[in-house]
């Protein structure tokens, strides 16, 4: 987690909703974008 901020600008990260709080705590979400790639009904 402590390295996520340094990697953020050059990375694509597979995401789960259970990761929301820890990513926020890692302060790696400045300028972040989310791509949703499943059935939109969910």
ModelCIF file with pLDDT and N, C-alpha, C, O atoms, coordinates in Angstrom:
data_MODEL
#
_entry.id   MODEL 
#
_entity.id                         1 
_entity.type                       polymer 
_entity.pdbx_number_of_molecules   1 
#
_entity_poly.entity_id                      1 
_entity_poly.type                           'polypeptide(L)' 
_entity_poly.nstd_linkage                   no 
_entity_poly.nstd_monomer                   no 
_entity_poly.pdbx_seq_one_letter_code       
;(UNK)(UNK)(UNK)(UNK)(UNK)(UNK)(UNK)(UNK)(UNK)(UNK)(UNK)(UNK)(UNK)(UNK)(UNK)(UNK)
(UNK)(UNK)(UNK)(UNK)(UNK)(UNK)(UNK)(UNK)(UNK)(UNK)(UNK)(UNK)(UNK)(UNK)(UNK)(UNK)
(UNK)(UNK)(UNK)(UNK)(UNK)(UNK)(UNK)(UNK)(UNK)(UNK)
;
_entity_poly.pdbx_seq_one_letter_code_can   XXXXXXXXXXXXXXXXXXXXXXXXXXXXXXXXXXXXXXXXXX 
_entity_poly.pdbx_strand_id                 A 
#
loop_
_entity_poly_seq.entity_id 
_entity_poly_seq.num 
_entity_poly_seq.mon_id 
_entity_poly_seq.hetero 
1 1  UNK n 
1 2  UNK n 
1 3  UNK n 
1 4  UNK n 
1 5  UNK n 
1 6  UNK n 
1 7  UNK n 
1 8  UNK n 
1 9  UNK n 
1 10 UNK n 
1 11 UNK n 
1 12 UNK n 
1 13 UNK n 
1 14 UNK n 
1 15 UNK n 
1 16 UNK n 
1 17 UNK n 
1 18 UNK n 
1 19 UNK n 
1 20 UNK n 
1 21 UNK n 
1 22 UNK n 
1 23 UNK n 
1 24 UNK n 
1 25 UNK n 
1 26 UNK n 
1 27 UNK n 
1 28 UNK n 
1 29 UNK n 
1 30 UNK n 
1 31 UNK n 
1 32 UNK n 
1 33 UNK n 
1 34 UNK n 
1 35 UNK n 
1 36 UNK n 
1 37 UNK n 
1 38 UNK n 
1 39 UNK n 
1 40 UNK n 
1 41 UNK n 
1 42 UNK n 
#
_struct_asym.id          A 
_struct_asym.entity_id   1 
#
loop_
_ma_qa_metric.id 
_ma_qa_metric.mode 
_ma_qa_metric.name 
_ma_qa_metric.software_group_id 
_ma_qa_metric.type 
1 global pLDDT . pLDDT 
2 local  pLDDT . pLDDT 
#
_ma_qa_metric_global.metric_id      1 
_ma_qa_metric_global.metric_value   96.14 
_ma_qa_metric_global.model_id       1 
_ma_qa_metric_global.ordinal_id     1 
#
loop_
_ma_qa_metric_local.label_asym_id 
_ma_qa_metric_local.label_comp_id 
_ma_qa_metric_local.label_seq_id 
_ma_qa_metric_local.metric_id 
_ma_qa_metric_local.metric_value 
_ma_qa_metric_local.model_id 
_ma_qa_metric_local.ordinal_id 
A UNK 1  2 95.00 1 1  
A UNK 2  2 96.00 1 2  
A UNK 3  2 96.00 1 3  
A UNK 4  2 97.00 1 4  
A UNK 5  2 97.00 1 5  
A UNK 6  2 96.00 1 6  
A UNK 7  2 95.00 1 7  
A UNK 8  2 96.00 1 8  
A UNK 9  2 95.00 1 9  
A UNK 10 2 96.00 1 10 
A UNK 11 2 98.00 1 11 
A UNK 12 2 98.00 1 12 
A UNK 13 2 98.00 1 13 
A UNK 14 2 98.00 1 14 
A UNK 15 2 98.00 1 15 
A UNK 16 2 95.00 1 16 
A UNK 17 2 95.00 1 17 
A UNK 18 2 94.00 1 18 
A UNK 19 2 97.00 1 19 
A UNK 20 2 97.00 1 20 
A UNK 21 2 97.00 1 21 
A UNK 22 2 97.00 1 22 
A UNK 23 2 98.00 1 23 
A UNK 24 2 97.00 1 24 
A UNK 25 2 97.00 1 25 
A UNK 26 2 97.00 1 26 
A UNK 27 2 97.00 1 27 
A UNK 28 2 98.00 1 28 
A UNK 29 2 98.00 1 29 
A UNK 30 2 96.00 1 30 
A UNK 31 2 96.00 1 31 
A UNK 32 2 98.00 1 32 
A UNK 33 2 97.00 1 33 
A UNK 34 2 98.00 1 34 
A UNK 35 2 98.00 1 35 
A UNK 36 2 98.00 1 36 
A UNK 37 2 97.00 1 37 
A UNK 38 2 96.00 1 38 
A UNK 39 2 91.00 1 39 
A UNK 40 2 91.00 1 40 
A UNK 41 2 89.00 1 41 
A UNK 42 2 90.00 1 42 
#
loop_
_atom_site.group_PDB 
_atom_site.id 
_atom_site.type_symbol 
_atom_site.label_atom_id 
_atom_site.label_alt_id 
_atom_site.label_comp_id 
_atom_site.label_asym_id 
_atom_site.label_entity_id 
_atom_site.label_seq_id 
_atom_site.pdbx_PDB_ins_code 
_atom_site.Cartn_x 
_atom_site.Cartn_y 
_atom_site.Cartn_z 
_atom_site.occupancy 
_atom_site.B_iso_or_equiv 
_atom_site.pdbx_formal_charge 
_atom_site.auth_seq_id 
_atom_site.auth_comp_id 
_atom_site.auth_asym_id 
_atom_site.auth_atom_id 
_atom_site.pdbx_PDB_model_num 
ATOM 1   N N  . UNK A 1 1  ? 0.799   -1.233 0.000   1.00 95.00 ? 1  UNK A N  1 
ATOM 2   C CA . UNK A 1 1  ? 0.000   0.000  0.000   1.00 95.00 ? 1  UNK A CA 1 
ATOM 3   C C  . UNK A 1 1  ? 0.826   1.275  0.000   1.00 95.00 ? 1  UNK A C  1 
ATOM 4   O O  . UNK A 1 1  ? 0.476   2.243  -0.675  1.00 95.00 ? 1  UNK A O  1 
ATOM 5   N N  . UNK A 1 2  ? 1.915   1.282  0.748   1.00 96.00 ? 2  UNK A N  1 
ATOM 6   C CA . UNK A 1 2  ? 2.722   2.495  0.849   1.00 96.00 ? 2  UNK A CA 1 
ATOM 7   C C  . UNK A 1 2  ? 3.434   2.850  -0.457  1.00 96.00 ? 2  UNK A C  1 
ATOM 8   O O  . UNK A 1 2  ? 3.959   3.956  -0.585  1.00 96.00 ? 2  UNK A O  1 
ATOM 9   N N  . UNK A 1 3  ? 3.460   1.937  -1.424  1.00 96.00 ? 3  UNK A N  1 
ATOM 10  C CA . UNK A 1 3  ? 4.100   2.196  -2.697  1.00 96.00 ? 3  UNK A CA 1 
ATOM 11  C C  . UNK A 1 3  ? 3.101   2.520  -3.816  1.00 96.00 ? 3  UNK A C  1 
ATOM 12  O O  . UNK A 1 3  ? 3.502   2.884  -4.921  1.00 96.00 ? 3  UNK A O  1 
ATOM 13  N N  . UNK A 1 4  ? 1.811   2.388  -3.529  1.00 97.00 ? 4  UNK A N  1 
ATOM 14  C CA . UNK A 1 4  ? 0.804   2.590  -4.567  1.00 97.00 ? 4  UNK A CA 1 
ATOM 15  C C  . UNK A 1 4  ? 0.820   4.009  -5.116  1.00 97.00 ? 4  UNK A C  1 
ATOM 16  O O  . UNK A 1 4  ? 0.685   4.195  -6.326  1.00 97.00 ? 4  UNK A O  1 
ATOM 17  N N  . UNK A 1 5  ? 0.981   5.005  -4.269  1.00 97.00 ? 5  UNK A N  1 
ATOM 18  C CA . UNK A 1 5  ? 0.976   6.394  -4.730  1.00 97.00 ? 5  UNK A CA 1 
ATOM 19  C C  . UNK A 1 5  ? 2.094   6.648  -5.731  1.00 97.00 ? 5  UNK A C  1 
ATOM 20  O O  . UNK A 1 5  ? 1.897   7.361  -6.714  1.00 97.00 ? 5  UNK A O  1 
ATOM 21  N N  . UNK A 1 6  ? 3.267   6.069  -5.489  1.00 96.00 ? 6  UNK A N  1 
ATOM 22  C CA . UNK A 1 6  ? 4.405   6.261  -6.393  1.00 96.00 ? 6  UNK A CA 1 
ATOM 23  C C  . UNK A 1 6  ? 4.180   5.575  -7.740  1.00 96.00 ? 6  UNK A C  1 
ATOM 24  O O  . UNK A 1 6  ? 4.691   6.035  -8.761  1.00 96.00 ? 6  UNK A O  1 
ATOM 25  N N  . UNK A 1 7  ? 3.415   4.472  -7.750  1.00 95.00 ? 7  UNK A N  1 
ATOM 26  C CA . UNK A 1 7  ? 3.172   3.723  -8.978  1.00 95.00 ? 7  UNK A CA 1 
ATOM 27  C C  . UNK A 1 7  ? 1.933   4.199  -9.728  1.00 95.00 ? 7  UNK A C  1 
ATOM 28  O O  . UNK A 1 7  ? 1.744   3.844  -10.891 1.00 95.00 ? 7  UNK A O  1 
ATOM 29  N N  . UNK A 1 8  ? 1.088   4.995  -9.082  1.00 96.00 ? 8  UNK A N  1 
ATOM 30  C CA . UNK A 1 8  ? -0.257  5.274  -9.594  1.00 96.00 ? 8  UNK A CA 1 
ATOM 31  C C  . UNK A 1 8  ? -0.263  5.792  -11.022 1.00 96.00 ? 8  UNK A C  1 
ATOM 32  O O  . UNK A 1 8  ? -0.985  5.259  -11.865 1.00 96.00 ? 8  UNK A O  1 
ATOM 33  N N  . UNK A 1 9  ? 0.517   6.809  -11.310 1.00 95.00 ? 9  UNK A N  1 
ATOM 34  C CA . UNK A 1 9  ? 0.444   7.467  -12.613 1.00 95.00 ? 9  UNK A CA 1 
ATOM 35  C C  . UNK A 1 9  ? 0.820   6.545  -13.768 1.00 95.00 ? 9  UNK A C  1 
ATOM 36  O O  . UNK A 1 9  ? 0.422   6.786  -14.907 1.00 95.00 ? 9  UNK A O  1 
ATOM 37  N N  . UNK A 1 10 ? 1.567   5.514  -13.490 1.00 96.00 ? 10 UNK A N  1 
ATOM 38  C CA . UNK A 1 10 ? 2.014   4.617  -14.556 1.00 96.00 ? 10 UNK A CA 1 
ATOM 39  C C  . UNK A 1 10 ? 1.401   3.238  -14.497 1.00 96.00 ? 10 UNK A C  1 
ATOM 40  O O  . UNK A 1 10 ? 1.953   2.288  -15.052 1.00 96.00 ? 10 UNK A O  1 
ATOM 41  N N  . UNK A 1 11 ? 0.258   3.114  -13.828 1.00 98.00 ? 11 UNK A N  1 
ATOM 42  C CA . UNK A 1 11 ? -0.285  1.771  -13.596 1.00 98.00 ? 11 UNK A CA 1 
ATOM 43  C C  . UNK A 1 11 ? -1.761  1.663  -13.956 1.00 98.00 ? 11 UNK A C  1 
ATOM 44  O O  . UNK A 1 11 ? -2.504  2.644  -13.962 1.00 98.00 ? 11 UNK A O  1 
ATOM 45  N N  . UNK A 1 12 ? -2.147  0.446  -14.250 1.00 98.00 ? 12 UNK A N  1 
ATOM 46  C CA . UNK A 1 12 ? -3.549  0.015  -14.343 1.00 98.00 ? 12 UNK A CA 1 
ATOM 47  C C  . UNK A 1 12 ? -3.737  -1.029 -13.259 1.00 98.00 ? 12 UNK A C  1 
ATOM 48  O O  . UNK A 1 12 ? -2.940  -1.960 -13.149 1.00 98.00 ? 12 UNK A O  1 
ATOM 49  N N  . UNK A 1 13 ? -4.787  -0.881 -12.456 1.00 98.00 ? 13 UNK A N  1 
ATOM 50  C CA . UNK A 1 13 ? -4.965  -1.754 -11.302 1.00 98.00 ? 13 UNK A CA 1 
ATOM 51  C C  . UNK A 1 13 ? -6.311  -2.466 -11.361 1.00 98.00 ? 13 UNK A C  1 
ATOM 52  O O  . UNK A 1 13 ? -7.352  -1.824 -11.503 1.00 98.00 ? 13 UNK A O  1 
ATOM 53  N N  . UNK A 1 14 ? -6.291  -3.773 -11.253 1.00 98.00 ? 14 UNK A N  1 
ATOM 54  C CA . UNK A 1 14 ? -7.535  -4.523 -11.158 1.00 98.00 ? 14 UNK A CA 1 
ATOM 55  C C  . UNK A 1 14 ? -8.209  -4.191 -9.835  1.00 98.00 ? 14 UNK A C  1 
ATOM 56  O O  . UNK A 1 14 ? -7.580  -4.234 -8.778  1.00 98.00 ? 14 UNK A O  1 
ATOM 57  N N  . UNK A 1 15 ? -9.501  -3.858 -9.902  1.00 98.00 ? 15 UNK A N  1 
ATOM 58  C CA . UNK A 1 15 ? -10.200 -3.267 -8.769  1.00 98.00 ? 15 UNK A CA 1 
ATOM 59  C C  . UNK A 1 15 ? -11.345 -4.143 -8.280  1.00 98.00 ? 15 UNK A C  1 
ATOM 60  O O  . UNK A 1 15 ? -12.024 -4.790 -9.077  1.00 98.00 ? 15 UNK A O  1 
ATOM 61  N N  . UNK A 1 16 ? -11.557 -4.163 -6.960  1.00 95.00 ? 16 UNK A N  1 
ATOM 62  C CA . UNK A 1 16 ? -12.734 -4.733 -6.321  1.00 95.00 ? 16 UNK A CA 1 
ATOM 63  C C  . UNK A 1 16 ? -13.315 -3.681 -5.372  1.00 95.00 ? 16 UNK A C  1 
ATOM 64  O O  . UNK A 1 16 ? -12.555 -2.932 -4.758  1.00 95.00 ? 16 UNK A O  1 
ATOM 65  N N  . UNK A 1 17 ? -14.644 -3.606 -5.237  1.00 95.00 ? 17 UNK A N  1 
ATOM 66  C CA . UNK A 1 17 ? -15.219 -2.620 -4.320  1.00 95.00 ? 17 UNK A CA 1 
ATOM 67  C C  . UNK A 1 17 ? -14.706 -2.725 -2.893  1.00 95.00 ? 17 UNK A C  1 
ATOM 68  O O  . UNK A 1 17 ? -14.669 -1.726 -2.174  1.00 95.00 ? 17 UNK A O  1 
ATOM 69  N N  . UNK A 1 18 ? -14.307 -3.928 -2.473  1.00 94.00 ? 18 UNK A N  1 
ATOM 70  C CA . UNK A 1 18 ? -13.760 -4.079 -1.135  1.00 94.00 ? 18 UNK A CA 1 
ATOM 71  C C  . UNK A 1 18 ? -12.452 -3.355 -0.922  1.00 94.00 ? 18 UNK A C  1 
ATOM 72  O O  . UNK A 1 18 ? -11.976 -3.273 0.211   1.00 94.00 ? 18 UNK A O  1 
ATOM 73  N N  . UNK A 1 19 ? -11.855 -2.828 -1.973  1.00 97.00 ? 19 UNK A N  1 
ATOM 74  C CA . UNK A 1 19 ? -10.588 -2.122 -1.886  1.00 97.00 ? 19 UNK A CA 1 
ATOM 75  C C  . UNK A 1 19 ? -10.755 -0.617 -1.712  1.00 97.00 ? 19 UNK A C  1 
ATOM 76  O O  . UNK A 1 19 ? -9.762  0.099  -1.583  1.00 97.00 ? 19 UNK A O  1 
ATOM 77  N N  . UNK A 1 20 ? -11.982 -0.128 -1.706  1.00 97.00 ? 20 UNK A N  1 
ATOM 78  C CA . UNK A 1 20 ? -12.202 1.320  -1.729  1.00 97.00 ? 20 UNK A CA 1 
ATOM 79  C C  . UNK A 1 20 ? -11.494 2.038  -0.593  1.00 97.00 ? 20 UNK A C  1 
ATOM 80  O O  . UNK A 1 20 ? -10.761 2.996  -0.837  1.00 97.00 ? 20 UNK A O  1 
ATOM 81  N N  . UNK A 1 21 ? -11.694 1.601  0.632   1.00 97.00 ? 21 UNK A N  1 
ATOM 82  C CA . UNK A 1 21 ? -11.141 2.313  1.778   1.00 97.00 ? 21 UNK A CA 1 
ATOM 83  C C  . UNK A 1 21 ? -9.626  2.294  1.773   1.00 97.00 ? 21 UNK A C  1 
ATOM 84  O O  . UNK A 1 21 ? -8.991  3.318  2.024   1.00 97.00 ? 21 UNK A O  1 
ATOM 85  N N  . UNK A 1 22 ? -9.033  1.130  1.487   1.00 97.00 ? 22 UNK A N  1 
ATOM 86  C CA . UNK A 1 22 ? -7.577  1.056  1.568   1.00 97.00 ? 22 UNK A CA 1 
ATOM 87  C C  . UNK A 1 22 ? -6.895  1.849  0.454   1.00 97.00 ? 22 UNK A C  1 
ATOM 88  O O  . UNK A 1 22 ? -5.805  2.385  0.656   1.00 97.00 ? 22 UNK A O  1 
ATOM 89  N N  . UNK A 1 23 ? -7.531  1.930  -0.727  1.00 98.00 ? 23 UNK A N  1 
ATOM 90  C CA . UNK A 1 23 ? -6.960  2.756  -1.783  1.00 98.00 ? 23 UNK A CA 1 
ATOM 91  C C  . UNK A 1 23 ? -7.037  4.228  -1.418  1.00 98.00 ? 23 UNK A C  1 
ATOM 92  O O  . UNK A 1 23 ? -6.113  4.991  -1.702  1.00 98.00 ? 23 UNK A O  1 
ATOM 93  N N  . UNK A 1 24 ? -8.117  4.622  -0.801  1.00 97.00 ? 24 UNK A N  1 
ATOM 94  C CA . UNK A 1 24 ? -8.238  6.001  -0.344  1.00 97.00 ? 24 UNK A CA 1 
ATOM 95  C C  . UNK A 1 24 ? -7.172  6.302  0.703   1.00 97.00 ? 24 UNK A C  1 
ATOM 96  O O  . UNK A 1 24 ? -6.546  7.360  0.670   1.00 97.00 ? 24 UNK A O  1 
ATOM 97  N N  . UNK A 1 25 ? -6.970  5.379  1.622   1.00 97.00 ? 25 UNK A N  1 
ATOM 98  C CA . UNK A 1 25 ? -5.947  5.563  2.652   1.00 97.00 ? 25 UNK A CA 1 
ATOM 99  C C  . UNK A 1 25 ? -4.546  5.631  2.056   1.00 97.00 ? 25 UNK A C  1 
ATOM 100 O O  . UNK A 1 25 ? -3.671  6.310  2.592   1.00 97.00 ? 25 UNK A O  1 
ATOM 101 N N  . UNK A 1 26 ? -4.333  4.925  0.943   1.00 97.00 ? 26 UNK A N  1 
ATOM 102 C CA . UNK A 1 26 ? -3.020  4.908  0.297   1.00 97.00 ? 26 UNK A CA 1 
ATOM 103 C C  . UNK A 1 26 ? -2.724  6.186  -0.467  1.00 97.00 ? 26 UNK A C  1 
ATOM 104 O O  . UNK A 1 26 ? -1.609  6.375  -0.956  1.00 97.00 ? 26 UNK A O  1 
ATOM 105 N N  . UNK A 1 27 ? -3.719  7.072  -0.575  1.00 97.00 ? 27 UNK A N  1 
ATOM 106 C CA . UNK A 1 27 ? -3.568  8.368  -1.233  1.00 97.00 ? 27 UNK A CA 1 
ATOM 107 C C  . UNK A 1 27 ? -3.017  8.222  -2.662  1.00 97.00 ? 27 UNK A C  1 
ATOM 108 O O  . UNK A 1 27 ? -2.106  8.937  -3.078  1.00 97.00 ? 27 UNK A O  1 
ATOM 109 N N  . UNK A 1 28 ? -3.609  7.264  -3.392  1.00 98.00 ? 28 UNK A N  1 
ATOM 110 C CA . UNK A 1 28 ? -3.148  6.992  -4.744  1.00 98.00 ? 28 UNK A CA 1 
ATOM 111 C C  . UNK A 1 28 ? -4.207  7.311  -5.799  1.00 98.00 ? 28 UNK A C  1 
ATOM 112 O O  . UNK A 1 28 ? -4.083  6.893  -6.950  1.00 98.00 ? 28 UNK A O  1 
ATOM 113 N N  . UNK A 1 29 ? -5.249  8.053  -5.407  1.00 98.00 ? 29 UNK A N  1 
ATOM 114 C CA . UNK A 1 29 ? -6.394  8.235  -6.282  1.00 98.00 ? 29 UNK A CA 1 
ATOM 115 C C  . UNK A 1 29 ? -6.485  9.627  -6.899  1.00 98.00 ? 29 UNK A C  1 
ATOM 116 O O  . UNK A 1 29 ? -7.506  9.951  -7.507  1.00 98.00 ? 29 UNK A O  1 
ATOM 117 N N  . UNK A 1 30 ? -5.465  10.450 -6.767  1.00 96.00 ? 30 UNK A N  1 
ATOM 118 C CA . UNK A 1 30 ? -5.458  11.763 -7.402  1.00 96.00 ? 30 UNK A CA 1 
ATOM 119 C C  . UNK A 1 30 ? -5.474  11.583 -8.922  1.00 96.00 ? 30 UNK A C  1 
ATOM 120 O O  . UNK A 1 30 ? -4.561  10.984 -9.492  1.00 96.00 ? 30 UNK A O  1 
ATOM 121 N N  . UNK A 1 31 ? -6.514  12.104 -9.571  1.00 96.00 ? 31 UNK A N  1 
ATOM 122 C CA . UNK A 1 31 ? -6.624  11.979 -11.023 1.00 96.00 ? 31 UNK A CA 1 
ATOM 123 C C  . UNK A 1 31 ? -7.001  10.590 -11.509 1.00 96.00 ? 31 UNK A C  1 
ATOM 124 O O  . UNK A 1 31 ? -6.814  10.270 -12.682 1.00 96.00 ? 31 UNK A O  1 
ATOM 125 N N  . UNK A 1 32 ? -7.530  9.764  -10.619 1.00 98.00 ? 32 UNK A N  1 
ATOM 126 C CA . UNK A 1 32 ? -7.856  8.381  -10.986 1.00 98.00 ? 32 UNK A CA 1 
ATOM 127 C C  . UNK A 1 32 ? -9.059  8.308  -11.920 1.00 98.00 ? 32 UNK A C  1 
ATOM 128 O O  . UNK A 1 32 ? -9.906  9.202  -11.938 1.00 98.00 ? 32 UNK A O  1 
ATOM 129 N N  . UNK A 1 33 ? -9.116  7.246  -12.681 1.00 97.00 ? 33 UNK A N  1 
ATOM 130 C CA . UNK A 1 33 ? -10.207 6.931  -13.594 1.00 97.00 ? 33 UNK A CA 1 
ATOM 131 C C  . UNK A 1 33 ? -10.600 5.471  -13.369 1.00 97.00 ? 33 UNK A C  1 
ATOM 132 O O  . UNK A 1 33 ? -9.735  4.621  -13.160 1.00 97.00 ? 33 UNK A O  1 
ATOM 133 N N  . UNK A 1 34 ? -11.917 5.174  -13.413 1.00 98.00 ? 34 UNK A N  1 
ATOM 134 C CA . UNK A 1 34 ? -12.357 3.783  -13.283 1.00 98.00 ? 34 UNK A CA 1 
ATOM 135 C C  . UNK A 1 34 ? -12.981 3.302  -14.583 1.00 98.00 ? 34 UNK A C  1 
ATOM 136 O O  . UNK A 1 34 ? -13.821 3.985  -15.170 1.00 98.00 ? 34 UNK A O  1 
ATOM 137 N N  . UNK A 1 35 ? -12.568 2.127  -15.026 1.00 98.00 ? 35 UNK A N  1 
ATOM 138 C CA . UNK A 1 35 ? -13.162 1.439  -16.158 1.00 98.00 ? 35 UNK A CA 1 
ATOM 139 C C  . UNK A 1 35 ? -13.993 0.275  -15.618 1.00 98.00 ? 35 UNK A C  1 
ATOM 140 O O  . UNK A 1 35 ? -13.475 -0.612 -14.940 1.00 98.00 ? 35 UNK A O  1 
ATOM 141 N N  . UNK A 1 36 ? -15.271 0.293  -15.924 1.00 98.00 ? 36 UNK A N  1 
ATOM 142 C CA . UNK A 1 36 ? -16.150 -0.799 -15.516 1.00 98.00 ? 36 UNK A CA 1 
ATOM 143 C C  . UNK A 1 36 ? -16.261 -1.769 -16.678 1.00 98.00 ? 36 UNK A C  1 
ATOM 144 O O  . UNK A 1 36 ? -16.629 -1.372 -17.783 1.00 98.00 ? 36 UNK A O  1 
ATOM 145 N N  . UNK A 1 37 ? -15.939 -3.064 -16.437 1.00 97.00 ? 37 UNK A N  1 
ATOM 146 C CA . UNK A 1 37 ? -15.849 -4.021 -17.527 1.00 97.00 ? 37 UNK A CA 1 
ATOM 147 C C  . UNK A 1 37 ? -16.600 -5.310 -17.204 1.00 97.00 ? 37 UNK A C  1 
ATOM 148 O O  . UNK A 1 37 ? -16.052 -6.407 -17.311 1.00 97.00 ? 37 UNK A O  1 
ATOM 149 N N  . UNK A 1 38 ? -17.864 -5.156 -16.808 1.00 96.00 ? 38 UNK A N  1 
ATOM 150 C CA . UNK A 1 38 ? -18.775 -6.267 -16.568 1.00 96.00 ? 38 UNK A CA 1 
ATOM 151 C C  . UNK A 1 38 ? -20.179 -5.839 -16.989 1.00 96.00 ? 38 UNK A C  1 
ATOM 152 O O  . UNK A 1 38 ? -20.386 -4.716 -17.450 1.00 96.00 ? 38 UNK A O  1 
ATOM 153 N N  . UNK A 1 39 ? -21.131 -6.739 -16.828 1.00 91.00 ? 39 UNK A N  1 
ATOM 154 C CA . UNK A 1 39 ? -22.520 -6.422 -17.133 1.00 91.00 ? 39 UNK A CA 1 
ATOM 155 C C  . UNK A 1 39 ? -22.982 -5.227 -16.304 1.00 91.00 ? 39 UNK A C  1 
ATOM 156 O O  . UNK A 1 39 ? -22.832 -5.216 -15.082 1.00 91.00 ? 39 UNK A O  1 
ATOM 157 N N  . UNK A 1 40 ? -23.536 -4.235 -16.966 1.00 91.00 ? 40 UNK A N  1 
ATOM 158 C CA . UNK A 1 40 ? -23.888 -2.994 -16.281 1.00 91.00 ? 40 UNK A CA 1 
ATOM 159 C C  . UNK A 1 40 ? -25.067 -3.160 -15.319 1.00 91.00 ? 40 UNK A C  1 
ATOM 160 O O  . UNK A 1 40 ? -25.267 -2.318 -14.444 1.00 91.00 ? 40 UNK A O  1 
ATOM 161 N N  . UNK A 1 41 ? -25.840 -4.221 -15.468 1.00 89.00 ? 41 UNK A N  1 
ATOM 162 C CA . UNK A 1 41 ? -26.954 -4.450 -14.553 1.00 89.00 ? 41 UNK A CA 1 
ATOM 163 C C  . UNK A 1 41 ? -26.533 -4.573 -13.106 1.00 89.00 ? 41 UNK A C  1 
ATOM 164 O O  . UNK A 1 41 ? -27.305 -4.248 -12.204 1.00 89.00 ? 41 UNK A O  1 
ATOM 165 N N  . UNK A 1 42 ? -25.303 -5.044 -12.870 1.00 90.00 ? 42 UNK A N  1 
ATOM 166 C CA . UNK A 1 42 ? -24.822 -5.160 -11.495 1.00 90.00 ? 42 UNK A CA 1 
ATOM 167 C C  . UNK A 1 42 ? -24.748 -3.799 -10.801 1.00 90.00 ? 42 UNK A C  1 
ATOM 168 O O  . UNK A 1 42 ? -24.362 -3.722 -9.635  1.00 90.00 ? 42 UNK A O  1 
#
